[in-house]
Structure formats: C-alpha cells, structure tokens
C-alpha atoms as a PDB file:
ATOM      1  CA  MET A   1     -29.505   8.604   3.063  1.00  0.00           C
ATOM      2  CA  GLY A   2     -26.826  11.264   2.686  1.00  0.00           C
ATOM      3  CA  ALA A   3     -23.589  10.898   0.751  1.00  0.00           C
ATOM      4  CA  PHE A   4     -20.493  12.792  -0.284  1.00  0.00           C
ATOM      5  CA  HIS A   5     -19.371  13.070  -3.877  1.00  0.00           C
ATOM      6  CA  ASN A   6     -15.668  12.793  -4.675  1.00  0.00           C
ATOM      7  CA  ALA A   7     -14.614  14.215  -8.046  1.00  0.00           C
ATOM      8  CA  PRO A   8     -10.924  13.881  -8.827  1.00  0.00           C
ATOM      9  CA  VAL A   9      -9.626  15.282 -12.098  1.00  0.00           C
ATOM     10  CA  SER A  10      -6.058  14.690 -13.154  1.00  0.00           C
ATOM     11  CA  ALA A  11      -4.671  17.589 -15.138  1.00  0.00           C
ATOM     12  CA  GLU A  12      -0.933  17.523 -14.744  1.00  0.00           C
ATOM     13  CA  ARG A  13       1.235  17.587 -17.807  1.00  0.00           C
ATOM     14  CA  ARG A  14       5.020  17.922 -17.713  1.00  0.00           C
ATOM     15  CA  GLY A  15       5.156  20.021 -14.576  1.00  0.00           C
ATOM     16  CA  HIS A  16       2.429  22.479 -15.490  1.00  0.00           C
ATOM     17  CA  THR A  17      -1.331  22.365 -15.373  1.00  0.00           C
ATOM     18  CA  ASP A  18      -3.450  21.491 -18.366  1.00  0.00           C
ATOM     19  CA  ARG A  19      -6.713  23.255 -17.520  1.00  0.00           C
ATOM     20  CA  GLY A  20      -8.716  21.310 -20.145  1.00  0.00           C
ATOM     21  CA  GLN A  21     -10.237  18.713 -17.816  1.00  0.00           C
ATOM     22  CA  ILE A  22     -10.712  21.164 -14.962  1.00  0.00           C
ATOM     23  CA  GLU A  23     -12.376  23.886 -17.050  1.00  0.00           C
ATOM     24  CA  GLY A  24     -14.011  21.508 -19.555  1.00  0.00           C
ATOM     25  CA  ASP A  25     -15.930  18.267 -19.053  1.00  0.00           C
ATOM     26  CA  GLY A  26     -13.772  17.008 -16.166  1.00  0.00           C
ATOM     27  CA  PHE A  27     -16.273  17.873 -13.432  1.00  0.00           C
ATOM     28  CA  THR A  28     -19.467  18.268 -15.467  1.00  0.00           C
ATOM     29  CA  ARG A  29     -19.762  14.647 -16.615  1.00  0.00           C
ATOM     30  CA  PRO A  30     -19.175  12.953 -13.244  1.00  0.00           C
ATOM     31  CA  ARG A  31     -21.391  15.460 -11.429  1.00  0.00           C
ATOM     32  CA  ALA A  32     -24.280  14.737 -13.832  1.00  0.00           C
ATOM     33  CA  ALA A  33     -23.822  10.957 -13.528  1.00  0.00           C
ATOM     34  CA  ILE A  34     -23.673  11.104  -9.744  1.00  0.00           C
ATOM     35  CA  LYS A  35     -26.662  13.444  -9.529  1.00  0.00           C
ATOM     36  CA  ALA A  36     -28.742  11.071 -11.700  1.00  0.00           C
ATOM     37  CA  TYR A  37     -27.648   8.026  -9.673  1.00  0.00           C
ATOM     38  CA  ALA A  38     -28.410   9.773  -6.376  1.00  0.00           C
ATOM     39  CA  ALA A  39     -31.871  10.850  -7.561  1.00  0.00           C
ATOM     40  CA  ALA A  40     -32.708   7.342  -8.798  1.00  0.00           C
ATOM     41  CA  ASN A  41     -31.600   5.793  -5.484  1.00  0.00           C
ATOM     42  CA  ASP A  42     -33.070   8.349  -3.060  1.00  0.00           C
ATOM     43  CA  ILE A  43     -29.654   9.615  -1.946  1.00  0.00           C
ATOM     44  CA  LYS A  44     -29.022  13.238  -1.066  1.00  0.00           C
ATOM     45  CA  VAL A  45     -25.527  14.404  -1.998  1.00  0.00           C
ATOM     46  CA  MET A  46     -24.532  16.513   0.980  1.00  0.00           C
ATOM     47  CA  ARG A  47     -21.276  17.882  -0.378  1.00  0.00           C
ATOM     48  CA  GLU A  48     -18.880  17.595  -3.299  1.00  0.00           C
ATOM     49  CA  PHE A  49     -15.140  17.261  -2.735  1.00  0.00           C
ATOM     50  CA  ARG A  50     -13.172  18.283  -5.826  1.00  0.00           C
ATOM     51  CA  GLU A  51      -9.625  17.217  -6.507  1.00  0.00           C
ATOM     52  CA  GLU A  52      -8.149  19.371  -9.244  1.00  0.00           C
ATOM     53  CA  GLY A  53      -4.975  18.247 -10.988  1.00  0.00           C
ATOM     54  CA  VAL A  54      -4.330  15.290  -8.689  1.00  0.00           C
ATOM     55  CA  SER A  55      -2.828  12.119 -10.098  1.00  0.00           C
ATOM     56  CA  GLY A  56      -4.854   8.947  -9.627  1.00  0.00           C
ATOM     57  CA  THR A  57      -1.649   7.180  -8.631  1.00  0.00           C
ATOM     58  CA  LYS A  58      -1.174   9.430  -5.607  1.00  0.00           C
ATOM     59  CA  GLU A  59      -1.870   7.843  -2.235  1.00  0.00           C
ATOM     60  CA  THR A  60      -5.282   8.844  -0.907  1.00  0.00           C
ATOM     61  CA  MET A  61      -3.817  10.328   2.262  1.00  0.00           C
ATOM     62  CA  ASP A  62      -1.659  12.633   0.113  1.00  0.00           C
ATOM     63  CA  ARG A  63      -4.719  14.114  -1.599  1.00  0.00           C
ATOM     64  CA  ALA A  64      -6.031  17.221   0.179  1.00  0.00           C
ATOM     65  CA  ALA A  65      -9.683  16.839  -0.861  1.00  0.00           C
ATOM     66  CA  TRP A  66      -9.684  13.151   0.111  1.00  0.00           C
ATOM     67  CA  ALA A  67      -8.202  13.934   3.532  1.00  0.00           C
ATOM     68  CA  GLU A  68     -10.775  16.697   4.055  1.00  0.00           C
ATOM     69  CA  MET A  69     -13.585  14.361   3.014  1.00  0.00           C
ATOM     70  CA  MET A  70     -12.407  11.636   5.398  1.00  0.00           C
ATOM     71  CA  ALA A  71     -12.168  14.117   8.285  1.00  0.00           C
ATOM     72  CA  THR A  72     -15.690  15.327   7.476  1.00  0.00           C
ATOM     73  CA  LEU A  73     -17.012  11.741   7.294  1.00  0.00           C
ATOM     74  CA  HIS A  74     -15.589  11.020  10.744  1.00  0.00           C
ATOM     75  CA  SER A  75     -17.265  14.116  12.185  1.00  0.00           C
ATOM     76  CA  ASN A  76     -20.865  13.544  11.035  1.00  0.00           C
ATOM     77  CA  SER A  77     -23.422  10.862  10.198  1.00  0.00           C
ATOM     78  CA  VAL A  78     -22.733  10.574   6.450  1.00  0.00           C
ATOM     79  CA  ARG A  79     -21.328   7.113   5.701  1.00  0.00           C
ATOM     80  CA  THR A  80     -21.295   6.971   1.886  1.00  0.00           C
ATOM     81  CA  ILE A  81     -18.984   8.269  -0.836  1.00  0.00           C
ATOM     82  CA  ILE A  82     -20.141   8.275  -4.453  1.00  0.00           C
ATOM     83  CA  VAL A  83     -17.711   8.325  -7.381  1.00  0.00           C
ATOM     84  CA  GLU A  84     -18.544   8.292 -11.074  1.00  0.00           C
ATOM     85  CA  LYS A  85     -16.413   5.225 -11.731  1.00  0.00           C
ATOM     86  CA  LEU A  86     -13.698   3.213 -10.088  1.00  0.00           C
ATOM     87  CA  ASP A  87     -10.781   4.685 -12.029  1.00  0.00           C
ATOM     88  CA  ARG A  88     -11.741   8.153 -10.758  1.00  0.00           C
ATOM     89  CA  LEU A  89     -10.940   6.897  -7.258  1.00  0.00           C
ATOM     90  CA  ALA A  90      -7.491   5.643  -8.279  1.00  0.00           C
ATOM     91  CA  ARG A  91      -5.591   4.539 -11.364  1.00  0.00           C
ATOM     92  CA  ASP A  92      -3.189   2.427  -9.354  1.00  0.00           C
ATOM     93  CA  LEU A  93      -4.426  -0.933  -8.076  1.00  0.00           C
ATOM     94  CA  MET A  94      -2.632  -0.705  -4.732  1.00  0.00           C
ATOM     95  CA  VAL A  95      -3.931   2.829  -4.077  1.00  0.00           C
ATOM     96  CA  GLN A  96      -7.449   1.691  -5.006  1.00  0.00           C
ATOM     97  CA  GLU A  97      -7.407  -1.321  -2.697  1.00  0.00           C
ATOM     98  CA  ALA A  98      -5.814   0.627   0.176  1.00  0.00           C
ATOM     99  CA  ALA A  99      -8.530   3.296  -0.095  1.00  0.00           C
ATOM    100  CA  ILE A 100     -11.280   0.675  -0.113  1.00  0.00           C
ATOM    101  CA  ALA A 101      -9.742  -1.137   2.871  1.00  0.00           C
ATOM    102  CA  ASP A 102      -9.478   2.152   4.764  1.00  0.00           C
ATOM    103  CA  LEU A 103     -13.119   2.977   4.062  1.00  0.00           C
ATOM    104  CA  ARG A 104     -14.229  -0.474   5.230  1.00  0.00           C
ATOM    105  CA  LYS A 105     -12.155  -0.220   8.394  1.00  0.00           C
ATOM    106  CA  TYR A 106     -14.187   2.815   9.471  1.00  0.00           C
ATOM    107  CA  GLY A 107     -17.569   1.519   8.300  1.00  0.00           C
ATOM    108  CA  PHE A 108     -17.932   3.796   5.275  1.00  0.00           C
ATOM    109  CA  SER A 109     -19.344   2.652   1.965  1.00  0.00           C
ATOM    110  CA  LEU A 110     -18.189   3.510  -1.518  1.00  0.00           C
ATOM    111  CA  VAL A 111     -20.582   3.569  -4.464  1.00  0.00           C
ATOM    112  CA  SER A 112     -19.391   3.709  -8.050  1.00  0.00           C
ATOM    113  CA  VAL A 113     -22.117   4.865 -10.409  1.00  0.00           C
ATOM    114  CA  GLN A 114     -20.758   2.756 -13.285  1.00  0.00           C
ATOM    115  CA  GLU A 115     -19.737  -0.262 -11.185  1.00  0.00           C
ATOM    116  CA  PRO A 116     -22.423  -0.782  -8.529  1.00  0.00           C
ATOM    117  CA  ASP A 117     -21.775  -2.908  -5.459  1.00  0.00           C
ATOM    118  CA  LEU A 118     -18.134  -1.902  -5.403  1.00  0.00           C
ATOM    119  CA  MET A 119     -17.649  -2.773  -1.739  1.00  0.00           C
ATOM    120  CA  ALA A 120     -19.022  -6.326  -1.943  1.00  0.00           C
ATOM    121  CA  SER A 121     -16.632  -8.869  -0.495  1.00  0.00           C
ATOM    122  CA  ASP A 122     -17.654 -11.955  -2.437  1.00  0.00           C
ATOM    123  CA  PRO A 123     -14.681 -13.449  -4.301  1.00  0.00           C
ATOM    124  CA  THR A 124     -16.064 -12.791  -7.794  1.00  0.00           C
ATOM    125  CA  ARG A 125     -16.774  -9.113  -7.098  1.00  0.00           C
ATOM    126  CA  VAL A 126     -13.338  -8.621  -5.506  1.00  0.00           C
ATOM    127  CA  LEU A 127     -11.752 -10.250  -8.579  1.00  0.00           C
ATOM    128  CA  MET A 128     -13.714  -8.004 -10.963  1.00  0.00           C
ATOM    129  CA  ARG A 129     -12.930  -4.848  -8.955  1.00  0.00           C
ATOM    130  CA  GLN A 130      -9.235  -5.684  -8.883  1.00  0.00           C
ATOM    131  CA  LEU A 131      -9.201  -6.530 -12.593  1.00  0.00           C
ATOM    132  CA  MET A 132     -10.815  -3.168 -13.367  1.00  0.00           C
ATOM    133  CA  GLY A 133      -8.222  -1.477 -11.157  1.00  0.00           C
ATOM    134  CA  ALA A 134      -5.379  -3.312 -12.875  1.00  0.00           C
ATOM    135  CA  LEU A 135      -6.772  -2.374 -16.307  1.00  0.00           C
ATOM    136  CA  ALA A 136      -7.047   1.288 -15.243  1.00  0.00           C
ATOM    137  CA  GLN A 137      -3.428   1.186 -14.086  1.00  0.00           C
ATOM    138  CA  TYR A 138      -2.353  -0.427 -17.371  1.00  0.00           C
ATOM    139  CA  ASP A 139      -4.312   2.161 -19.387  1.00  0.00           C
ATOM    140  CA  LYS A 140      -2.668   5.007 -17.493  1.00  0.00           C
ATOM    141  CA  SER A 141       0.768   3.464 -18.097  1.00  0.00           C
ATOM    142  CA  GLN A 142       0.029   3.214 -21.824  1.00  0.00           C
ATOM    143  CA  ILE A 143      -1.068   6.858 -21.980  1.00  0.00           C
ATOM    144  CA  VAL A 144       2.069   7.967 -20.128  1.00  0.00           C
ATOM    145  CA  ALA A 145       4.271   5.963 -22.511  1.00  0.00           C
ATOM    146  CA  LYS A 146       2.552   7.410 -25.597  1.00  0.00           C
ATOM    147  CA  LEU A 147       2.855  10.963 -24.299  1.00  0.00           C
ATOM    148  CA  ARG A 148       6.503  10.433 -23.368  1.00  0.00           C
ATOM    149  CA  GLY A 149       7.214   9.150 -26.884  1.00  0.00           C
ATOM    150  CA  ALA A 150       5.415  12.112 -28.456  1.00  0.00           C
ATOM    151  CA  ARG A 151       7.385  14.579 -26.331  1.00  0.00           C
ATOM    152  CA  MET A 152      10.655  12.893 -27.276  1.00  0.00           C
ATOM    153  CA  ARG A 153       9.757  13.108 -30.984  1.00  0.00           C
ATOM    154  CA  MET A 154       8.849  16.796 -30.595  1.00  0.00           C
ATOM    155  CA  LYS A 155      12.138  17.570 -28.857  1.00  0.00           C
ATOM    156  CA  ALA A 156      14.023  15.770 -31.617  1.00  0.00           C
ATOM    157  CA  ALA A 157      12.082  17.727 -34.267  1.00  0.00           C
ATOM    158  CA  VAL A 158      12.814  21.031 -32.520  1.00  0.00           C
ATOM    159  CA  ARG A 159      16.523  20.186 -32.337  1.00  0.00           C
ATOM    160  CA  ALA A 160      16.515  19.227 -36.016  1.00  0.00           C
ATOM    161  CA  GLY A 161      14.837  22.518 -36.893  1.00  0.00           C
ATOM    162  CA  SER A 162      11.857  20.957 -38.663  1.00  0.00           C
ATOM    163  CA  PRO A 163       8.756  23.114 -39.279  1.00  0.00           C
ATOM    164  CA  MET A 164       6.687  20.649 -37.244  1.00  0.00           C
ATOM    165  CA  GLY A 165       9.098  21.050 -34.369  1.00  0.00           C
ATOM    166  CA  SER A 166       8.826  24.817 -34.281  1.00  0.00           C
ATOM    167  CA  THR A 167       5.024  24.691 -34.408  1.00  0.00           C
ATOM    168  CA  MET A 168       4.848  22.100 -31.659  1.00  0.00           C
ATOM    169  CA  ALA A 169       7.416  23.907 -29.536  1.00  0.00           C
ATOM    170  CA  ARG A 170       5.093  26.910 -29.462  1.00  0.00           C
ATOM    171  CA  MET A 171       2.306  24.628 -28.191  1.00  0.00           C
ATOM    172  CA  ARG A 172       4.548  23.677 -25.225  1.00  0.00           C
ATOM    173  CA  LEU A 173       4.040  19.942 -25.450  1.00  0.00           C
END
C-alpha cells in the first residue's frame, strides 16, 4: 500500500519566522516515526508534503501543502495519509474534525503513528479523538497565553530601562 506523509511545522512568532523547528527537530522526528511505522506495516511512503511555518489552527484548505496533497490524492491511486500524531494535523478541534470529515467524504484514510485507528467511527474512538483534539487546542491556547505574558513583561522591562529588558530586546522576543 502507498501513502503520503504530511509534516506540518508551526514556526511563526510575532510576525516573523522562528527557524528552530524548521531547521531543527521539526521535520526529523516525525519523518523518523512515520518511516518506522510505514516499514513495520508494509506501507511505502510515496511522497512527503511539508508545511513550514503553518499554524495548526489554520483551515486545511488554506494550507498550501495540504491543498497540493489533496489534489495529488485525487489524481492517483494513493488513498492514505500518515501523520506523526493528531495534533500535527491540527491544533484546533473544528479544523481537525473538518479535515477528517473531508478525507472520509472522498474515501481517503488518515493514519496517526501515535494514535492508531484514527478514522474509526465507533463512539468511543470518536470521543477519544475529539478529546485529544480539544486538549491539543487547550495546550496551544496555554502556550499562546504564556508567550503573550512574557512578551508583555519584556516590553515593560524595556520601557523601564532594566538590564533584563535591554538584553531581551536584543533577542527580539
């Protein structure tokens, strides 16, 4: 069986790109996990679609790599998408569920290496998938709030002329 690999990496920070995830472990880790899963399950990964610096809250149709992958799926016999884990597909519950519904509508399957049987429709599996999606959305919201608070403290320190503020201002947080 052939499959496509979708590897989104969010790297946006205050209007500019933080290259850390893109140039660091952001693609290496999921690629290794997907490669191991594919080998263990006799799946040949036909192509990787990389999404660099794309927010997991962005609608799937607004993501260039996702749109390209869907167009490619419709034009050949590959029917499976593999992701490392569910929150790499989306970190917004509604985006996650809309993407899954869209895949089902066209007969495609989605495999999450860390959460197998992602597309099952039994009530317990749907509940667990949606809970994981809601927790991913909550986690993202918490991270955003912490970063916003840190930026506000840094701005206040810069305005107050503290040594910490001048050091942090040079770091462009």
